[in-house]
N, C-alpha and C. Protein backbone atom coordinates (compact mmCIF):
# COMPACT_ATOMS: atom_id res chain seq x y z
N MET A 1 0.84 -1.18 -0.01
CA MET A 1 0.01 0.00 -0.03
C MET A 1 0.89 1.25 0.02
N ASN A 2 0.39 2.27 -0.70
CA ASN A 2 1.15 3.53 -0.69
C ASN A 2 0.55 4.45 0.35
N CYS A 3 1.25 5.54 0.54
CA CYS A 3 0.91 6.52 1.68
C CYS A 3 -0.50 7.14 1.49
N ASP A 4 -0.79 7.47 0.18
CA ASP A 4 -2.11 8.10 -0.07
C ASP A 4 -3.30 7.16 0.26
N GLU A 5 -3.14 5.85 -0.09
CA GLU A 5 -4.11 4.86 0.25
C GLU A 5 -4.31 4.70 1.74
N VAL A 6 -3.17 4.63 2.41
CA VAL A 6 -3.21 4.48 3.88
C VAL A 6 -3.89 5.68 4.55
N LYS A 7 -3.53 6.87 4.14
CA LYS A 7 -4.09 8.04 4.74
C LYS A 7 -5.63 8.10 4.48
N GLN A 8 -6.10 7.62 3.37
CA GLN A 8 -7.51 7.55 3.06
C GLN A 8 -8.20 6.57 4.01
N LEU A 9 -7.60 5.51 4.35
CA LEU A 9 -8.16 4.39 5.15
C LEU A 9 -7.98 4.50 6.65
N ILE A 10 -7.20 5.49 7.08
CA ILE A 10 -6.96 5.63 8.59
C ILE A 10 -8.32 5.78 9.30
N PRO A 11 -9.26 6.67 8.88
CA PRO A 11 -10.46 6.74 9.66
C PRO A 11 -11.26 5.41 9.75
N ALA A 12 -11.28 4.63 8.67
CA ALA A 12 -11.93 3.34 8.69
C ALA A 12 -11.14 2.37 9.61
N TYR A 13 -9.81 2.53 9.66
CA TYR A 13 -8.98 1.70 10.52
C TYR A 13 -9.28 1.95 12.03
N LEU A 14 -9.49 3.29 12.25
CA LEU A 14 -9.78 3.67 13.66
C LEU A 14 -11.18 3.24 14.11
N GLU A 15 -12.10 3.16 13.11
CA GLU A 15 -13.45 2.62 13.43
C GLU A 15 -13.45 1.13 13.50
N ASP A 16 -12.41 0.48 13.16
CA ASP A 16 -12.28 -0.95 13.11
C ASP A 16 -13.35 -1.56 12.14
N SER A 17 -13.45 -0.95 10.96
CA SER A 17 -14.41 -1.42 9.99
C SER A 17 -13.73 -2.00 8.69
N LEU A 18 -12.47 -2.30 8.81
CA LEU A 18 -11.76 -2.90 7.68
C LEU A 18 -11.57 -4.40 7.84
N PRO A 19 -11.51 -5.13 6.73
CA PRO A 19 -11.21 -6.51 6.79
C PRO A 19 -9.83 -6.74 7.44
N ASP A 20 -9.59 -7.94 7.99
CA ASP A 20 -8.37 -8.21 8.75
C ASP A 20 -7.07 -8.09 7.85
N LYS A 21 -7.23 -8.57 6.64
CA LYS A 21 -6.04 -8.48 5.72
C LYS A 21 -5.59 -7.06 5.47
N GLN A 22 -6.60 -6.14 5.22
CA GLN A 22 -6.30 -4.74 4.92
C GLN A 22 -5.84 -4.03 6.20
N ARG A 23 -6.50 -4.41 7.35
CA ARG A 23 -6.06 -3.86 8.63
C ARG A 23 -4.60 -4.16 8.96
N ASP A 24 -4.20 -5.39 8.65
CA ASP A 24 -2.80 -5.80 8.98
C ASP A 24 -1.83 -5.03 8.04
N ALA A 25 -2.24 -4.85 6.78
CA ALA A 25 -1.39 -4.18 5.81
C ALA A 25 -1.16 -2.70 6.28
N ILE A 26 -2.24 -2.09 6.77
CA ILE A 26 -2.15 -0.69 7.23
C ILE A 26 -1.31 -0.63 8.44
N SER A 27 -1.47 -1.56 9.37
CA SER A 27 -0.61 -1.56 10.64
C SER A 27 0.86 -1.69 10.25
N MET A 28 1.21 -2.54 9.37
CA MET A 28 2.60 -2.69 8.88
C MET A 28 3.13 -1.40 8.33
N HIS A 29 2.32 -0.76 7.46
CA HIS A 29 2.69 0.46 6.85
C HIS A 29 2.92 1.59 7.83
N ILE A 30 1.96 1.73 8.74
CA ILE A 30 2.10 2.80 9.81
C ILE A 30 3.34 2.60 10.65
N LYS A 31 3.73 1.40 10.89
CA LYS A 31 4.93 1.12 11.74
C LYS A 31 6.22 1.48 10.95
N GLY A 32 6.16 1.39 9.66
CA GLY A 32 7.36 1.65 8.88
C GLY A 32 7.45 2.99 8.26
N CYS A 33 6.38 3.76 8.24
CA CYS A 33 6.30 5.08 7.63
C CYS A 33 6.10 6.21 8.67
N ILE A 34 7.05 7.05 8.79
CA ILE A 34 6.97 8.15 9.79
C ILE A 34 5.82 9.07 9.48
N GLU A 35 5.68 9.55 8.27
CA GLU A 35 4.63 10.41 7.90
C GLU A 35 3.20 9.87 8.11
N CYS A 36 3.00 8.68 7.72
CA CYS A 36 1.70 8.00 7.93
C CYS A 36 1.44 7.76 9.45
N HIS A 37 2.54 7.50 10.21
CA HIS A 37 2.38 7.35 11.67
C HIS A 37 1.98 8.59 12.33
N LYS A 38 2.51 9.72 11.84
CA LYS A 38 2.11 11.13 12.42
C LYS A 38 0.67 11.32 12.09
N GLN A 39 0.26 11.03 10.87
CA GLN A 39 -1.13 11.22 10.46
C GLN A 39 -2.04 10.33 11.31
N PHE A 40 -1.65 9.08 11.51
CA PHE A 40 -2.44 8.15 12.30
C PHE A 40 -2.60 8.72 13.76
N GLU A 41 -1.52 9.20 14.30
CA GLU A 41 -1.70 9.73 15.70
C GLU A 41 -2.52 10.92 15.80
N ALA A 42 -2.43 11.81 14.78
CA ALA A 42 -3.26 13.02 14.74
C ALA A 42 -4.73 12.67 14.63
N ASP A 43 -5.05 11.75 13.67
CA ASP A 43 -6.42 11.27 13.50
C ASP A 43 -6.91 10.61 14.73
N LYS A 44 -6.07 9.89 15.45
CA LYS A 44 -6.47 9.12 16.67
C LYS A 44 -6.79 10.07 17.74
N LYS A 45 -6.05 11.19 17.90
CA LYS A 45 -6.36 12.24 18.96
C LYS A 45 -7.73 12.86 18.63
N ILE A 46 -7.96 13.18 17.40
CA ILE A 46 -9.25 13.82 16.97
C ILE A 46 -10.34 12.82 17.24
N TRP A 47 -10.12 11.55 16.91
CA TRP A 47 -11.14 10.52 17.16
C TRP A 47 -11.51 10.41 18.60
N ASN A 48 -10.46 10.47 19.45
CA ASN A 48 -10.75 10.32 20.88
C ASN A 48 -11.52 11.52 21.42
N VAL A 49 -11.19 12.75 20.90
CA VAL A 49 -11.93 13.94 21.41
C VAL A 49 -13.39 13.84 20.92
N LEU A 50 -13.63 13.41 19.69
CA LEU A 50 -14.97 13.27 19.16
C LEU A 50 -15.76 12.22 19.88
N SER A 51 -15.10 11.21 20.40
CA SER A 51 -15.86 10.16 21.17
C SER A 51 -16.35 10.69 22.56
N LEU A 52 -15.71 11.73 22.98
CA LEU A 52 -16.19 12.39 24.30
C LEU A 52 -17.36 13.27 24.11
N TRP A 53 -17.65 13.65 22.88
CA TRP A 53 -18.73 14.61 22.63
C TRP A 53 -20.13 13.93 22.89
N GLU A 54 -20.88 14.64 23.66
CA GLU A 54 -22.23 14.16 23.96
C GLU A 54 -23.22 14.93 23.10
N GLY A 55 -24.15 14.22 22.56
CA GLY A 55 -25.13 14.82 21.70
C GLY A 55 -26.16 15.59 22.54
N ILE A 56 -26.72 16.61 22.01
CA ILE A 56 -27.70 17.44 22.63
C ILE A 56 -29.07 17.14 22.10
N LYS A 57 -29.96 16.88 22.94
CA LYS A 57 -31.38 16.57 22.54
C LYS A 57 -32.11 17.82 22.51
N PRO A 58 -32.74 18.12 21.37
CA PRO A 58 -33.59 19.36 21.35
C PRO A 58 -34.83 19.17 22.23
N GLU A 59 -35.35 20.34 22.70
CA GLU A 59 -36.51 20.26 23.52
C GLU A 59 -37.71 19.87 22.67
N PRO A 60 -38.73 19.36 23.28
CA PRO A 60 -39.91 18.86 22.49
C PRO A 60 -40.54 20.03 21.70
N GLY A 61 -40.87 19.71 20.42
CA GLY A 61 -41.52 20.72 19.58
C GLY A 61 -40.56 21.64 18.89
N TYR A 62 -39.25 21.45 19.11
CA TYR A 62 -38.27 22.39 18.53
C TYR A 62 -38.28 22.29 16.98
N ILE A 63 -38.31 21.10 16.45
CA ILE A 63 -38.23 20.96 15.00
C ILE A 63 -39.43 21.54 14.32
N SER A 64 -40.61 21.31 14.88
CA SER A 64 -41.82 21.89 14.23
C SER A 64 -41.90 23.42 14.35
N ARG A 65 -41.37 23.99 15.52
CA ARG A 65 -41.27 25.40 15.64
C ARG A 65 -40.28 26.02 14.62
N PHE A 66 -39.15 25.31 14.43
CA PHE A 66 -38.14 25.72 13.50
C PHE A 66 -38.68 25.90 12.13
N TRP A 67 -39.38 24.76 11.63
CA TRP A 67 -39.89 24.79 10.25
C TRP A 67 -41.02 25.76 10.08
N THR A 68 -41.85 25.97 11.14
CA THR A 68 -42.94 26.96 11.07
C THR A 68 -42.30 28.35 10.88
N ARG A 69 -41.32 28.68 11.78
CA ARG A 69 -40.73 29.95 11.74
C ARG A 69 -39.98 30.20 10.35
N LEU A 70 -39.36 29.22 9.91
CA LEU A 70 -38.75 29.28 8.61
C LEU A 70 -39.73 29.56 7.47
N SER A 71 -40.87 28.90 7.49
CA SER A 71 -41.88 29.09 6.42
C SER A 71 -42.49 30.42 6.46
N LEU A 72 -42.57 31.07 7.68
CA LEU A 72 -43.18 32.38 7.81
C LEU A 72 -42.20 33.52 7.60
N SER A 73 -40.97 33.26 7.51
CA SER A 73 -39.97 34.34 7.38
C SER A 73 -39.93 34.81 5.94
N GLU A 74 -39.53 36.04 5.75
CA GLU A 74 -39.38 36.66 4.45
C GLU A 74 -38.11 36.22 3.77
N THR A 75 -38.13 36.08 2.49
CA THR A 75 -36.91 35.80 1.76
C THR A 75 -36.18 37.09 1.48
N TRP A 76 -34.95 37.06 1.07
CA TRP A 76 -34.17 38.24 0.86
C TRP A 76 -34.81 39.21 -0.16
N TYR A 77 -35.34 38.63 -1.24
CA TYR A 77 -35.94 39.51 -2.30
C TYR A 77 -37.26 40.08 -1.83
N GLU A 78 -37.98 39.40 -0.92
CA GLU A 78 -39.17 40.00 -0.36
C GLU A 78 -38.84 41.14 0.53
N ARG A 79 -37.78 41.07 1.27
CA ARG A 79 -37.33 42.21 2.17
C ARG A 79 -36.94 43.37 1.29
N ILE A 80 -36.20 43.16 0.19
CA ILE A 80 -35.75 44.26 -0.63
C ILE A 80 -36.98 44.93 -1.31
N LEU A 81 -37.94 44.05 -1.80
CA LEU A 81 -39.11 44.62 -2.44
C LEU A 81 -39.92 45.44 -1.43
N ARG A 82 -40.03 44.96 -0.22
CA ARG A 82 -40.79 45.69 0.84
C ARG A 82 -40.15 47.03 1.09
N LYS A 83 -38.82 47.13 1.12
CA LYS A 83 -38.12 48.43 1.35
C LYS A 83 -38.35 49.32 0.13
N ILE A 84 -38.34 48.78 -1.06
CA ILE A 84 -38.54 49.61 -2.22
C ILE A 84 -39.95 50.18 -2.21
N LYS A 85 -40.90 49.38 -1.86
CA LYS A 85 -42.28 49.87 -1.76
C LYS A 85 -42.42 50.91 -0.74
N TYR A 86 -41.72 50.72 0.39
CA TYR A 86 -41.76 51.72 1.45
C TYR A 86 -41.23 53.09 0.99
N ILE A 87 -40.08 52.98 0.26
CA ILE A 87 -39.43 54.24 -0.18
C ILE A 87 -40.32 54.95 -1.28
N LEU A 88 -40.92 54.17 -2.14
CA LEU A 88 -41.79 54.76 -3.17
C LEU A 88 -43.17 55.11 -2.68
N GLY A 89 -43.50 54.71 -1.49
CA GLY A 89 -44.86 55.01 -0.92
C GLY A 89 -45.94 54.11 -1.44
N ILE A 90 -45.61 52.98 -1.96
CA ILE A 90 -46.62 52.08 -2.49
C ILE A 90 -47.15 51.17 -1.33
N PRO A 91 -48.45 50.99 -1.31
CA PRO A 91 -48.99 50.09 -0.24
C PRO A 91 -48.37 48.73 -0.25
N TYR A 92 -48.22 48.11 0.87
CA TYR A 92 -47.52 46.85 0.97
C TYR A 92 -48.22 45.72 0.16
N ARG A 93 -49.44 45.72 0.07
CA ARG A 93 -50.12 44.61 -0.62
C ARG A 93 -50.12 44.68 -2.11
N VAL A 94 -49.68 45.80 -2.71
CA VAL A 94 -49.59 45.88 -4.21
C VAL A 94 -48.45 45.04 -4.68
N ASN A 95 -48.76 44.27 -5.68
CA ASN A 95 -47.81 43.33 -6.29
C ASN A 95 -47.08 44.04 -7.46
N LEU A 96 -45.76 44.25 -7.33
CA LEU A 96 -45.02 44.95 -8.38
C LEU A 96 -44.46 44.02 -9.39
N PHE A 97 -44.58 42.75 -9.23
CA PHE A 97 -43.97 41.82 -10.18
C PHE A 97 -44.49 42.05 -11.65
N PRO A 98 -45.80 42.08 -11.90
CA PRO A 98 -46.25 42.31 -13.26
C PRO A 98 -45.82 43.57 -13.86
N VAL A 99 -45.80 44.66 -13.03
CA VAL A 99 -45.33 45.93 -13.54
C VAL A 99 -43.87 45.88 -13.89
N THR A 100 -43.05 45.24 -13.09
CA THR A 100 -41.63 45.12 -13.36
C THR A 100 -41.38 44.34 -14.63
N VAL A 101 -42.11 43.22 -14.82
CA VAL A 101 -41.94 42.40 -15.99
C VAL A 101 -42.26 43.17 -17.25
N VAL A 102 -43.40 43.86 -17.23
CA VAL A 102 -43.88 44.63 -18.42
C VAL A 102 -42.86 45.76 -18.74
N THR A 103 -42.36 46.41 -17.71
CA THR A 103 -41.40 47.47 -17.90
C THR A 103 -40.12 46.95 -18.53
N LEU A 104 -39.68 45.80 -18.00
CA LEU A 104 -38.41 45.23 -18.62
C LEU A 104 -38.61 44.78 -20.01
N VAL A 105 -39.79 44.21 -20.35
CA VAL A 105 -40.03 43.79 -21.74
C VAL A 105 -40.04 45.01 -22.62
N ILE A 106 -40.70 46.13 -22.20
CA ILE A 106 -40.75 47.37 -23.00
C ILE A 106 -39.31 47.91 -23.23
N ILE A 107 -38.50 47.91 -22.18
CA ILE A 107 -37.12 48.37 -22.30
C ILE A 107 -36.33 47.54 -23.23
N ILE A 108 -36.49 46.23 -23.15
CA ILE A 108 -35.73 45.32 -24.05
C ILE A 108 -36.18 45.52 -25.49
N ILE A 109 -37.44 45.58 -25.73
CA ILE A 109 -37.95 45.81 -27.07
C ILE A 109 -37.41 47.16 -27.69
N ALA A 110 -37.52 48.24 -26.86
CA ALA A 110 -37.10 49.51 -27.23
C ALA A 110 -35.58 49.52 -27.61
N THR A 111 -34.81 48.94 -26.74
CA THR A 111 -33.37 48.90 -26.92
C THR A 111 -33.02 48.11 -28.18
N GLY A 112 -33.66 46.98 -28.40
CA GLY A 112 -33.45 46.19 -29.61
C GLY A 112 -33.84 46.94 -30.85
N SER A 113 -34.91 47.64 -30.76
CA SER A 113 -35.38 48.41 -31.94
C SER A 113 -34.40 49.54 -32.30
N LEU A 114 -33.98 50.22 -31.27
CA LEU A 114 -32.96 51.34 -31.50
C LEU A 114 -31.64 50.78 -32.06
N TYR A 115 -31.26 49.66 -31.54
CA TYR A 115 -30.03 49.03 -32.05
C TYR A 115 -30.16 48.60 -33.45
N LEU A 116 -31.28 48.00 -33.84
CA LEU A 116 -31.47 47.60 -35.25
C LEU A 116 -31.59 48.80 -36.13
N TYR A 117 -32.27 49.81 -35.71
CA TYR A 117 -32.45 51.03 -36.47
C TYR A 117 -31.08 51.73 -36.75
N SER A 118 -30.28 51.83 -35.65
CA SER A 118 -28.97 52.44 -35.85
C SER A 118 -28.02 51.58 -36.63
N TYR A 119 -28.09 50.23 -36.48
CA TYR A 119 -27.24 49.34 -37.23
C TYR A 119 -27.59 49.44 -38.71
N ARG A 120 -28.86 49.45 -39.03
CA ARG A 120 -29.29 49.50 -40.43
C ARG A 120 -28.89 50.79 -41.10
N ASN A 121 -29.10 51.94 -40.47
CA ASN A 121 -28.82 53.23 -41.05
C ASN A 121 -27.27 53.36 -41.09
N GLY A 122 -26.56 52.87 -40.10
CA GLY A 122 -25.15 53.02 -40.15
C GLY A 122 -24.49 52.13 -41.19
N SER A 123 -25.05 51.03 -41.48
CA SER A 123 -24.49 50.10 -42.55
C SER A 123 -24.72 50.66 -43.92
N ASP A 124 -25.86 51.35 -44.12
CA ASP A 124 -26.12 51.95 -45.45
C ASP A 124 -25.10 53.06 -45.71
N ASP A 125 -24.81 53.89 -44.69
CA ASP A 125 -23.82 54.92 -44.87
C ASP A 125 -22.46 54.38 -45.16
N ALA A 126 -22.05 53.32 -44.47
CA ALA A 126 -20.73 52.68 -44.67
C ALA A 126 -20.66 52.16 -46.10
N VAL A 127 -21.69 51.58 -46.55
CA VAL A 127 -21.69 51.01 -47.97
C VAL A 127 -21.59 52.09 -48.96
N ILE A 128 -22.38 53.18 -48.75
CA ILE A 128 -22.29 54.25 -49.70
C ILE A 128 -20.93 54.96 -49.71
N SER A 129 -20.31 55.17 -48.55
CA SER A 129 -19.04 55.75 -48.53
C SER A 129 -17.98 54.88 -49.15
N GLN A 130 -18.09 53.56 -48.96
CA GLN A 130 -17.18 52.62 -49.64
C GLN A 130 -17.31 52.66 -51.17
N LEU A 131 -18.52 52.74 -51.64
CA LEU A 131 -18.81 52.79 -53.07
C LEU A 131 -18.29 54.08 -53.68
N ASN A 132 -18.39 55.18 -52.85
CA ASN A 132 -17.82 56.49 -53.36
C ASN A 132 -16.32 56.40 -53.51
N LYS A 133 -15.72 55.72 -52.59
CA LYS A 133 -14.23 55.61 -52.64
C LYS A 133 -13.82 54.74 -53.84
N GLU A 134 -14.63 53.81 -54.19
CA GLU A 134 -14.34 52.90 -55.35
C GLU A 134 -14.69 53.53 -56.69
N GLY A 135 -15.42 54.67 -56.63
CA GLY A 135 -15.82 55.38 -57.86
C GLY A 135 -17.03 54.85 -58.52
N ILE A 136 -17.89 54.13 -57.79
CA ILE A 136 -19.15 53.59 -58.33
C ILE A 136 -20.17 54.66 -58.28
N ASP A 137 -21.02 54.77 -59.36
CA ASP A 137 -22.02 55.78 -59.45
C ASP A 137 -23.04 55.64 -58.37
N ILE A 138 -23.34 56.72 -57.58
CA ILE A 138 -24.30 56.64 -56.51
C ILE A 138 -25.70 56.58 -57.08
N ASP A 139 -26.01 57.14 -58.27
CA ASP A 139 -27.30 57.06 -58.85
C ASP A 139 -27.77 55.63 -59.07
N MET A 140 -26.78 54.74 -59.29
CA MET A 140 -27.12 53.34 -59.48
C MET A 140 -27.72 52.76 -58.21
N LEU A 141 -27.33 53.32 -57.03
CA LEU A 141 -27.89 52.77 -55.78
C LEU A 141 -29.33 53.01 -55.70
N ASP A 142 -29.87 54.04 -56.33
CA ASP A 142 -31.30 54.30 -56.27
C ASP A 142 -32.06 53.13 -56.87
N ASN A 143 -31.44 52.38 -57.82
CA ASN A 143 -32.13 51.32 -58.49
C ASN A 143 -31.58 49.95 -58.04
N ILE A 144 -31.02 49.88 -56.85
CA ILE A 144 -30.42 48.62 -56.30
C ILE A 144 -31.50 47.59 -56.10
N ASP A 145 -32.70 47.98 -55.72
CA ASP A 145 -33.80 47.01 -55.54
C ASP A 145 -34.22 46.37 -56.91
N LEU A 146 -34.10 47.16 -58.00
CA LEU A 146 -34.37 46.62 -59.35
C LEU A 146 -33.29 45.58 -59.71
N VAL A 147 -32.04 45.85 -59.38
CA VAL A 147 -30.90 45.00 -59.72
C VAL A 147 -31.10 43.67 -58.92
N GLU A 148 -31.51 43.76 -57.65
CA GLU A 148 -31.65 42.58 -56.86
C GLU A 148 -32.75 41.67 -57.39
N ASN A 149 -33.75 42.31 -57.92
CA ASN A 149 -34.93 41.53 -58.44
C ASN A 149 -34.95 41.44 -59.96
N TYR A 150 -33.79 41.49 -60.67
CA TYR A 150 -33.70 41.58 -62.08
C TYR A 150 -34.42 40.39 -62.79
N ASP A 151 -34.16 39.16 -62.23
CA ASP A 151 -34.73 37.95 -62.85
C ASP A 151 -36.21 38.04 -62.88
N LEU A 152 -36.82 38.51 -61.81
CA LEU A 152 -38.21 38.59 -61.74
C LEU A 152 -38.79 39.70 -62.68
N ILE A 153 -38.10 40.78 -62.70
CA ILE A 153 -38.55 41.93 -63.52
C ILE A 153 -38.39 41.68 -65.04
N ALA A 154 -37.33 40.94 -65.38
CA ALA A 154 -36.99 40.67 -66.76
C ALA A 154 -38.12 39.87 -67.46
N HIS A 155 -38.87 39.07 -66.69
CA HIS A 155 -39.86 38.23 -67.34
C HIS A 155 -41.29 38.74 -67.25
N LEU A 156 -41.44 40.00 -66.88
CA LEU A 156 -42.76 40.59 -66.80
C LEU A 156 -43.27 40.90 -68.19
N ASP A 157 -44.54 40.58 -68.45
CA ASP A 157 -45.16 40.85 -69.76
C ASP A 157 -45.33 42.35 -69.96
N LEU A 158 -45.54 43.05 -68.94
CA LEU A 158 -45.70 44.47 -68.98
C LEU A 158 -44.53 45.17 -69.67
N LEU A 159 -43.33 44.71 -69.30
CA LEU A 159 -42.12 45.33 -69.91
C LEU A 159 -42.01 45.04 -71.41
N GLU A 160 -42.50 43.91 -71.79
CA GLU A 160 -42.48 43.64 -73.30
C GLU A 160 -43.40 44.58 -74.01
N ASP A 161 -44.56 44.88 -73.37
CA ASP A 161 -45.49 45.85 -74.02
C ASP A 161 -44.84 47.24 -74.01
N MET A 162 -44.05 47.54 -73.02
CA MET A 162 -43.34 48.81 -72.95
C MET A 162 -42.33 48.94 -74.06
N ASP A 163 -41.63 47.86 -74.39
CA ASP A 163 -40.73 47.94 -75.53
C ASP A 163 -41.44 48.23 -76.84
N ILE A 164 -42.61 47.64 -77.05
CA ILE A 164 -43.38 47.87 -78.29
C ILE A 164 -43.80 49.35 -78.37
N LEU A 165 -44.25 49.90 -77.19
CA LEU A 165 -44.70 51.28 -77.17
C LEU A 165 -43.51 52.24 -77.47
N GLU A 166 -42.41 51.89 -76.95
CA GLU A 166 -41.22 52.79 -77.19
C GLU A 166 -40.79 52.80 -78.65
N LYS A 167 -41.02 51.70 -79.34
CA LYS A 167 -40.69 51.63 -80.71
C LYS A 167 -41.63 52.39 -81.61
N LEU A 168 -42.89 52.58 -81.14
CA LEU A 168 -43.85 53.35 -81.97
C LEU A 168 -43.50 54.84 -81.97
N ASP A 169 -43.77 55.46 -82.99
CA ASP A 169 -43.49 56.89 -83.10
C ASP A 169 -44.79 57.64 -82.85
N PHE A 170 -44.85 58.36 -81.77
CA PHE A 170 -46.11 59.15 -81.44
C PHE A 170 -45.97 60.59 -81.84
N SER A 171 -44.91 60.93 -82.60
CA SER A 171 -44.73 62.33 -82.97
C SER A 171 -45.77 62.82 -83.97
N ASN A 172 -46.35 61.95 -84.77
CA ASN A 172 -47.30 62.26 -85.74
C ASN A 172 -48.74 62.49 -85.14
N VAL A 173 -48.94 61.98 -83.96
CA VAL A 173 -50.31 62.10 -83.37
C VAL A 173 -50.53 63.40 -82.88
C-alpha cells in the first residue's frame, strides 16, 4: 500500500471497519512510515476527542417550531421589495412583479429596436461611402432594388409591352 491509500483508510482503521487483511497491511505500513504514523496519531487524537462529545437533545416541539418559523420568514428578495415599496410610498399589498416584467419587456424591445435602427442606417452609410471611394456611381444605388430583383422583372409581360410602345413613333399624333 502507498501513503495516499493508507491516509484515506486511517478513519476506517480507527473505526475498526476494515477486513483483517487490509487492517494488517495498514498496521505494517504505519509502523514503517513516519509520515503516515504522524497522520495516524493526529487522527487518533481527533477521534478520541470526538468520542467524548455528547449529543444534545432538542426540547420537545423544537423541530416543528423551526420549520414553522422558517416558512413564515421573508426571503431576501421579499425584504428588498418591501423596502422599495416603502421608499416609493406604495401600499404593501400591491404586487409589483407584473409591472416590473412589463417594464423590462418594453425596455428590451425599445433597446433592440434602436439598435437595429442604428445598425441598419449605419450600415447603409458605410456601404455608400465605400462605393464612393471605389468610384461607383451613386445614382445606381437608387435602382439597387431593381438589380436585386432583375430575374423577376425581366420576365414581366408588362415590360415587353413597354418595348413595343417605345418603338412606336407618337410624334405624328
